[in-house]
Amino acid sequence: MAKPRLNLRSKKDAPLKSFAEQVIRSMRDSEYFADYQDQVDAVDAVVQHYAESLTEQASAESFLRAATARKQLARKATEEGLTQLALVVSVVAKGQGTVIASAAMELKHERKRLGKLPAPENLSSETSEWEGACELSWEPVHGSSIYEIEYRLQPVDSPWQHFGYSTAAKCRVTGLVPGTLYFFRVRAIGSAGASPWSGQTQKRAA
């Protein structure tokens, strides 16, 4: 026995409205349902109310989008205005917190500078797999951004020569004479300046 299939849950608002209107028209035009026109009319009234609700919703959504856009523009203008007032407060306050607070503005905390960097510790040197090179490593120094590496040929009374920089707490020193004994030292460099030089280490170049 055949039964009507509606699939109402699968229909979105607009397709459901169109489907309902089509059903109403079809049942009014069909002689099979002549004795049921009162029920058809009652459902038609519900469908018309549904259609009006959808129109109101679309209008409200359009209004909301426009209101949101106006709010965003107003917020941007407000932020720009407050930024200008903050400049005025800064000029008048000249760094005085009480003046800034009197304008109901929070104080901007300055980032604390790090103290003087300590010298890198535990500098060690190892024979490299690369000819004319030595492998250096040391303990990382908090607050440093780069390390400077120097070398020389004698432990004392010999000028230090600049090799280069490393962003990691290790470095491969190259361009050395194979079999020659070298002495190395490093120092950390950061926003607080340069640290003292580390103690020196020695190693023969590979």
C-alpha atoms as a PDB file:
ATOM      1  CA  MET A   1       0.000   0.000   0.000  1.00  0.00           C
ATOM      2  CA  ALA A   2       1.484   3.330  -1.097  1.00  0.00           C
ATOM      3  CA  LYS A   3       1.930   6.109   1.469  1.00  0.00           C
ATOM      4  CA  PRO A   4       3.005   9.764   1.041  1.00  0.00           C
ATOM      5  CA  ARG A   5       6.655  10.522   1.682  1.00  0.00           C
ATOM      6  CA  LEU A   6       7.454  13.990   3.011  1.00  0.00           C
ATOM      7  CA  ASN A   7      11.156  14.054   4.058  1.00  0.00           C
ATOM      8  CA  LEU A   8      10.435  17.214   6.048  1.00  0.00           C
ATOM      9  CA  ARG A   9      13.577  17.093   8.195  1.00  0.00           C
ATOM     10  CA  SER A  10      15.813  17.107   5.120  1.00  0.00           C
ATOM     11  CA  LYS A  11      14.275  20.322   3.754  1.00  0.00           C
ATOM     12  CA  LYS A  12      15.629  23.731   4.691  1.00  0.00           C
ATOM     13  CA  ASP A  13      13.280  26.661   5.310  1.00  0.00           C
ATOM     14  CA  ALA A  14      12.892  27.978   1.766  1.00  0.00           C
ATOM     15  CA  PRO A  15      12.455  24.550   0.120  1.00  0.00           C
ATOM     16  CA  LEU A  16       9.977  23.551   2.856  1.00  0.00           C
ATOM     17  CA  LYS A  17       7.882  26.679   2.238  1.00  0.00           C
ATOM     18  CA  SER A  18       7.863  26.048  -1.506  1.00  0.00           C
ATOM     19  CA  PHE A  19       6.930  22.408  -0.969  1.00  0.00           C
ATOM     20  CA  ALA A  20       4.073  23.333   1.394  1.00  0.00           C
ATOM     21  CA  GLU A  21       2.702  25.914  -1.054  1.00  0.00           C
ATOM     22  CA  GLN A  22       2.856  23.391  -3.871  1.00  0.00           C
ATOM     23  CA  VAL A  23       0.958  20.825  -1.773  1.00  0.00           C
ATOM     24  CA  ILE A  24      -1.741  23.391  -0.931  1.00  0.00           C
ATOM     25  CA  ARG A  25      -2.209  24.383  -4.593  1.00  0.00           C
ATOM     26  CA  SER A  26      -2.271  20.791  -5.769  1.00  0.00           C
ATOM     27  CA  MET A  27      -4.829  19.655  -3.164  1.00  0.00           C
ATOM     28  CA  ARG A  28      -7.099  22.627  -3.956  1.00  0.00           C
ATOM     29  CA  ASP A  29      -7.031  21.780  -7.659  1.00  0.00           C
ATOM     30  CA  SER A  30      -7.587  18.052  -7.134  1.00  0.00           C
ATOM     31  CA  GLU A  31     -11.128  16.649  -7.076  1.00  0.00           C
ATOM     32  CA  TYR A  32      -9.956  13.902  -4.778  1.00  0.00           C
ATOM     33  CA  PHE A  33      -9.769  16.313  -1.831  1.00  0.00           C
ATOM     34  CA  ALA A  34     -12.924  18.349  -2.392  1.00  0.00           C
ATOM     35  CA  ASP A  35     -14.329  17.286   0.978  1.00  0.00           C
ATOM     36  CA  TYR A  36     -11.175  18.336   2.820  1.00  0.00           C
ATOM     37  CA  GLN A  37     -10.777  21.938   1.746  1.00  0.00           C
ATOM     38  CA  ASP A  38     -11.352  23.233   5.285  1.00  0.00           C
ATOM     39  CA  GLN A  39      -8.253  21.341   6.441  1.00  0.00           C
ATOM     40  CA  VAL A  40      -6.351  22.537   3.401  1.00  0.00           C
ATOM     41  CA  ASP A  41      -7.336  26.142   4.204  1.00  0.00           C
ATOM     42  CA  ALA A  42      -6.225  25.729   7.836  1.00  0.00           C
ATOM     43  CA  VAL A  43      -2.828  24.414   6.805  1.00  0.00           C
ATOM     44  CA  ASP A  44      -2.578  27.172   4.188  1.00  0.00           C
ATOM     45  CA  ALA A  45      -2.963  29.775   6.946  1.00  0.00           C
ATOM     46  CA  VAL A  46      -0.137  28.150   8.882  1.00  0.00           C
ATOM     47  CA  VAL A  47       2.040  28.092   5.774  1.00  0.00           C
ATOM     48  CA  GLN A  48       1.368  31.783   5.113  1.00  0.00           C
ATOM     49  CA  HIS A  49       2.399  32.605   8.685  1.00  0.00           C
ATOM     50  CA  TYR A  50       5.554  30.542   8.144  1.00  0.00           C
ATOM     51  CA  ALA A  51       6.328  32.499   4.953  1.00  0.00           C
ATOM     52  CA  GLU A  52       5.876  35.803   6.787  1.00  0.00           C
ATOM     53  CA  SER A  53       8.217  34.606   9.538  1.00  0.00           C
ATOM     54  CA  LEU A  54      10.884  33.761   6.984  1.00  0.00           C
ATOM     55  CA  THR A  55      10.559  37.236   5.452  1.00  0.00           C
ATOM     56  CA  GLU A  56      10.909  38.827   8.890  1.00  0.00           C
ATOM     57  CA  GLN A  57      13.940  36.691   9.646  1.00  0.00           C
ATOM     58  CA  ALA A  58      15.650  37.663   6.383  1.00  0.00           C
ATOM     59  CA  SER A  59      14.973  41.327   7.119  1.00  0.00           C
ATOM     60  CA  ALA A  60      16.330  40.964  10.658  1.00  0.00           C
ATOM     61  CA  GLU A  61      19.481  39.224   9.404  1.00  0.00           C
ATOM     62  CA  SER A  62      20.056  41.990   6.865  1.00  0.00           C
ATOM     63  CA  PHE A  63      19.578  44.601   9.583  1.00  0.00           C
ATOM     64  CA  LEU A  64      21.966  42.702  11.877  1.00  0.00           C
ATOM     65  CA  ARG A  65      24.668  42.575   9.202  1.00  0.00           C
ATOM     66  CA  ALA A  66      24.320  46.295   8.595  1.00  0.00           C
ATOM     67  CA  ALA A  67      24.358  47.016  12.343  1.00  0.00           C
ATOM     68  CA  THR A  68      27.460  44.861  12.800  1.00  0.00           C
ATOM     69  CA  ALA A  69      29.252  46.718  10.016  1.00  0.00           C
ATOM     70  CA  ARG A  70      28.319  50.083  11.580  1.00  0.00           C
ATOM     71  CA  LYS A  71      29.520  48.872  14.970  1.00  0.00           C
ATOM     72  CA  GLN A  72      32.890  47.779  13.556  1.00  0.00           C
ATOM     73  CA  LEU A  73      33.416  51.189  11.956  1.00  0.00           C
ATOM     74  CA  ALA A  74      32.435  52.919  15.189  1.00  0.00           C
ATOM     75  CA  ARG A  75      34.808  50.711  17.206  1.00  0.00           C
ATOM     76  CA  LYS A  76      37.686  51.463  14.847  1.00  0.00           C
ATOM     77  CA  ALA A  77      37.025  55.187  15.153  1.00  0.00           C
ATOM     78  CA  THR A  78      36.852  54.855  18.951  1.00  0.00           C
ATOM     79  CA  GLU A  79      40.171  52.982  19.093  1.00  0.00           C
ATOM     80  CA  GLU A  80      41.824  55.612  16.885  1.00  0.00           C
ATOM     81  CA  GLY A  81      40.429  58.371  19.102  1.00  0.00           C
ATOM     82  CA  LEU A  82      41.697  56.716  22.281  1.00  0.00           C
ATOM     83  CA  THR A  83      45.109  56.253  20.680  1.00  0.00           C
ATOM     84  CA  GLN A  84      45.250  59.975  19.965  1.00  0.00           C
ATOM     85  CA  LEU A  85      44.215  60.755  23.554  1.00  0.00           C
ATOM     86  CA  ALA A  86      46.915  58.407  24.856  1.00  0.00           C
ATOM     87  CA  LEU A  87      49.482  60.454  22.921  1.00  0.00           C
ATOM     88  CA  VAL A  88      48.148  63.607  24.565  1.00  0.00           C
ATOM     89  CA  VAL A  89      48.367  61.967  28.000  1.00  0.00           C
ATOM     90  CA  SER A  90      51.937  60.842  27.306  1.00  0.00           C
ATOM     91  CA  VAL A  91      52.996  64.362  26.350  1.00  0.00           C
ATOM     92  CA  VAL A  92      51.372  65.909  29.428  1.00  0.00           C
ATOM     93  CA  ALA A  93      52.438  63.180  31.881  1.00  0.00           C
ATOM     94  CA  LYS A  94      56.110  63.140  30.896  1.00  0.00           C
ATOM     95  CA  GLY A  95      56.429  59.720  32.460  1.00  0.00           C
ATOM     96  CA  GLN A  96      54.514  60.515  35.664  1.00  0.00           C
ATOM     97  CA  GLY A  97      52.272  57.607  36.571  1.00  0.00           C
ATOM     98  CA  THR A  98      49.891  59.693  38.649  1.00  0.00           C
ATOM     99  CA  VAL A  99      49.070  61.899  35.652  1.00  0.00           C
ATOM    100  CA  ILE A 100      48.435  58.847  33.467  1.00  0.00           C
ATOM    101  CA  ALA A 101      46.229  57.288  36.158  1.00  0.00           C
ATOM    102  CA  SER A 102      44.244  60.548  36.443  1.00  0.00           C
ATOM    103  CA  ALA A 103      43.164  59.993  32.832  1.00  0.00           C
ATOM    104  CA  ALA A 104      41.803  56.520  33.784  1.00  0.00           C
ATOM    105  CA  MET A 105      44.502  54.863  31.704  1.00  0.00           C
ATOM    106  CA  GLU A 106      46.619  51.903  32.773  1.00  0.00           C
ATOM    107  CA  LEU A 107      50.363  52.197  33.048  1.00  0.00           C
ATOM    108  CA  LYS A 108      52.367  50.407  30.404  1.00  0.00           C
ATOM    109  CA  HIS A 109      54.957  48.243  32.088  1.00  0.00           C
ATOM    110  CA  GLU A 110      58.383  48.466  30.505  1.00  0.00           C
ATOM    111  CA  ARG A 111      60.196  45.239  29.844  1.00  0.00           C
ATOM    112  CA  LYS A 112      62.904  44.735  32.392  1.00  0.00           C
ATOM    113  CA  ARG A 113      66.407  44.689  31.003  1.00  0.00           C
ATOM    114  CA  LEU A 114      68.483  41.648  31.751  1.00  0.00           C
ATOM    115  CA  GLY A 115      71.520  42.108  33.933  1.00  0.00           C
ATOM    116  CA  LYS A 116      74.985  41.697  32.537  1.00  0.00           C
ATOM    117  CA  LEU A 117      75.404  38.356  30.816  1.00  0.00           C
ATOM    118  CA  PRO A 118      77.666  35.804  32.501  1.00  0.00           C
ATOM    119  CA  ALA A 119      80.535  34.232  30.620  1.00  0.00           C
ATOM    120  CA  PRO A 120      79.746  30.942  28.891  1.00  0.00           C
ATOM    121  CA  GLU A 121      80.713  27.959  31.020  1.00  0.00           C
ATOM    122  CA  ASN A 122      82.041  24.459  30.322  1.00  0.00           C
ATOM    123  CA  LEU A 123      83.640  25.344  27.016  1.00  0.00           C
ATOM    124  CA  SER A 124      84.997  22.158  25.461  1.00  0.00           C
ATOM    125  CA  SER A 125      86.658  21.248  22.178  1.00  0.00           C
ATOM    126  CA  GLU A 126      86.594  18.001  20.250  1.00  0.00           C
ATOM    127  CA  THR A 127      88.365  16.694  17.187  1.00  0.00           C
ATOM    128  CA  SER A 128      86.262  17.225  14.101  1.00  0.00           C
ATOM    129  CA  GLU A 129      85.505  14.828  11.290  1.00  0.00           C
ATOM    130  CA  TRP A 130      86.355  17.691   8.953  1.00  0.00           C
ATOM    131  CA  GLU A 131      89.966  18.349   8.058  1.00  0.00           C
ATOM    132  CA  GLY A 132      91.305  21.637   9.430  1.00  0.00           C
ATOM    133  CA  ALA A 133      88.444  21.993  11.925  1.00  0.00           C
ATOM    134  CA  CYS A 134      87.582  21.704  15.626  1.00  0.00           C
ATOM    135  CA  GLU A 135      84.171  21.233  17.270  1.00  0.00           C
ATOM    136  CA  LEU A 136      83.345  23.581  20.166  1.00  0.00           C
ATOM    137  CA  SER A 137      80.434  23.429  22.617  1.00  0.00           C
ATOM    138  CA  TRP A 138      79.465  25.240  25.831  1.00  0.00           C
ATOM    139  CA  GLU A 139      76.566  25.838  28.213  1.00  0.00           C
ATOM    140  CA  PRO A 140      73.859  28.148  26.788  1.00  0.00           C
ATOM    141  CA  VAL A 141      73.662  31.613  28.359  1.00  0.00           C
ATOM    142  CA  HIS A 142      70.157  32.868  29.183  1.00  0.00           C
ATOM    143  CA  GLY A 143      69.448  36.188  27.496  1.00  0.00           C
ATOM    144  CA  SER A 144      72.005  35.770  24.717  1.00  0.00           C
ATOM    145  CA  SER A 145      71.144  35.919  21.035  1.00  0.00           C
ATOM    146  CA  ILE A 146      74.520  35.037  19.501  1.00  0.00           C
ATOM    147  CA  TYR A 147      77.972  33.886  20.554  1.00  0.00           C
ATOM    148  CA  GLU A 148      81.307  35.204  19.310  1.00  0.00           C
ATOM    149  CA  ILE A 149      84.208  32.784  18.830  1.00  0.00           C
ATOM    150  CA  GLU A 150      87.932  33.584  18.812  1.00  0.00           C
ATOM    151  CA  TYR A 151      91.098  31.482  18.594  1.00  0.00           C
ATOM    152  CA  ARG A 152      94.870  31.829  18.881  1.00  0.00           C
ATOM    153  CA  LEU A 153      98.027  29.714  18.593  1.00  0.00           C
ATOM    154  CA  GLN A 154      99.528  30.227  22.070  1.00  0.00           C
ATOM    155  CA  PRO A 155      97.870  30.093  25.518  1.00  0.00           C
ATOM    156  CA  VAL A 156      99.322  33.497  26.482  1.00  0.00           C
ATOM    157  CA  ASP A 157     100.984  36.471  24.832  1.00  0.00           C
ATOM    158  CA  SER A 158      99.384  35.656  21.477  1.00  0.00           C
ATOM    159  CA  PRO A 159      96.758  37.840  19.784  1.00  0.00           C
ATOM    160  CA  TRP A 160      93.253  36.472  19.567  1.00  0.00           C
ATOM    161  CA  GLN A 161      91.771  36.148  16.072  1.00  0.00           C
ATOM    162  CA  HIS A 162      88.088  36.503  15.340  1.00  0.00           C
ATOM    163  CA  PHE A 163      86.500  33.408  13.789  1.00  0.00           C
ATOM    164  CA  GLY A 164      82.804  34.229  13.622  1.00  0.00           C
ATOM    165  CA  TYR A 165      79.450  33.960  15.351  1.00  0.00           C
ATOM    166  CA  SER A 166      77.035  31.183  16.265  1.00  0.00           C
ATOM    167  CA  THR A 167      73.387  31.354  17.288  1.00  0.00           C
ATOM    168  CA  ALA A 168      73.658  27.958  19.028  1.00  0.00           C
ATOM    169  CA  ALA A 169      75.837  26.924  21.968  1.00  0.00           C
ATOM    170  CA  LYS A 170      78.197  25.096  19.638  1.00  0.00           C
ATOM    171  CA  CYS A 171      80.356  25.865  16.633  1.00  0.00           C
ATOM    172  CA  ARG A 172      82.578  24.164  14.091  1.00  0.00           C
ATOM    173  CA  VAL A 173      85.713  26.258  13.685  1.00  0.00           C
ATOM    174  CA  THR A 174      87.074  25.707  10.191  1.00  0.00           C
ATOM    175  CA  GLY A 175      89.991  26.943   8.103  1.00  0.00           C
ATOM    176  CA  LEU A 176      92.596  25.748  10.625  1.00  0.00           C
ATOM    177  CA  VAL A 177      95.957  24.154   9.829  1.00  0.00           C
ATOM    178  CA  PRO A 178      95.642  20.374  10.326  1.00  0.00           C
ATOM    179  CA  GLY A 179      97.646  19.068  13.276  1.00  0.00           C
ATOM    180  CA  THR A 180      98.187  22.538  14.756  1.00  0.00           C
ATOM    181  CA  LEU A 181      97.288  23.219  18.383  1.00  0.00           C
ATOM    182  CA  TYR A 182      94.750  26.006  18.849  1.00  0.00           C
ATOM    183  CA  PHE A 183      93.241  27.771  21.856  1.00  0.00           C
ATOM    184  CA  PHE A 184      89.604  28.911  21.785  1.00  0.00           C
ATOM    185  CA  ARG A 185      87.285  31.171  23.756  1.00  0.00           C
ATOM    186  CA  VAL A 186      83.689  32.383  23.362  1.00  0.00           C
ATOM    187  CA  ARG A 187      81.448  35.086  24.741  1.00  0.00           C
ATOM    188  CA  ALA A 188      77.692  35.654  24.732  1.00  0.00           C
ATOM    189  CA  ILE A 189      76.068  38.709  23.165  1.00  0.00           C
ATOM    190  CA  GLY A 190      72.485  39.880  23.810  1.00  0.00           C
ATOM    191  CA  SER A 191      70.345  42.935  24.468  1.00  0.00           C
ATOM    192  CA  ALA A 192      72.243  43.481  27.720  1.00  0.00           C
ATOM    193  CA  GLY A 193      75.537  43.665  25.824  1.00  0.00           C
ATOM    194  CA  ALA A 194      78.454  41.250  25.644  1.00  0.00           C
ATOM    195  CA  SER A 195      79.474  38.899  28.428  1.00  0.00           C
ATOM    196  CA  PRO A 196      83.053  38.376  29.638  1.00  0.00           C
ATOM    197  CA  TRP A 197      85.059  35.867  27.644  1.00  0.00           C
ATOM    198  CA  SER A 198      84.919  32.246  28.704  1.00  0.00           C
ATOM    199  CA  GLY A 199      87.913  30.341  29.897  1.00  0.00           C
ATOM    200  CA  GLN A 200      89.918  28.927  27.008  1.00  0.00           C
ATOM    201  CA  THR A 201      90.069  25.390  25.734  1.00  0.00           C
ATOM    202  CA  GLN A 202      92.610  23.788  23.436  1.00  0.00           C
ATOM    203  CA  LYS A 203      92.557  21.197  20.675  1.00  0.00           C
ATOM    204  CA  ARG A 204      94.624  20.222  17.664  1.00  0.00           C
ATOM    205  CA  ALA A 205      92.868  20.718  14.377  1.00  0.00           C
ATOM    206  CA  ALA A 206      91.949  17.538  12.520  1.00  0.00           C
END
